[in-house]
C-alpha cells in the first residue's frame, strides 16, 4: 500500500527517507517530530493510568507542544518538548552535563528578545535524550520555574540550559518521569 506522502511527492518511501537522511536541517526537524511523538506516547500512558484527564497536541506558532489536564484540581499545564544538543558541557575531557537549547526558531524584527521564551510560556520542559543515548524514549523533565533565566532579560529563559546526565545519582531539579514532575507540581510527596 502506498503512503499518501509517496503519492503527493512522486517518490518512494525509500527515496523520501534517503532525502531526510542526506539533509541536515530536514533530519533535525525529523528528530524534533520523533521526540514529540515519543512524548505524546508518555502523555497518553498517563491518561490511560488516570494521572492525566486529557491532553492536546499543538502544532502552532505561539503555543507550547502540548497542554495536559492532570487529575484533581490542578490547572492545565503547558509542556514544551526539545532535544539535547550535539555539544555538551565538559570539564577537560570529562562529560559533566548535556545541553538543551531553549529558544524559538525566529524572532520578531522589532524585538530580537522575542526569540527567547517568556518564563510563563510553558510549565514543563521535556528533553529527549535520544540523540545521546540512542534510545528516543529517554527523557528528563524539569519545571520551567527551575530553569536558568536570561542574563539580559530576567523575564525570559536563558538560551542554553544544563541537562544532567541520566545516570546521575541526583538529578535535582530534574525528574526522570513526567509523572514525577506532575506530582512535584501538585505538591504530592515523593515515593
Foldseek 3Di string as FASTA:
>chain_A
DADVVCVVVVHGPVVVVVVCVVDDVSVQVVLQVLLLVLVVVQLVVCCVVQQWVDKDADDDPLAAGMWTHGPDPDDIFGEHEWEWDPDADDDPPHGFFTKTFAFAPDDDPVDRCRRFAFLVRGQKYWYQHCVPPVDRNFIKMAGSVPADAPPVDRRTGHGMTTFGDPPDPDRPPIHRGPSVVSCVVVVHDDD
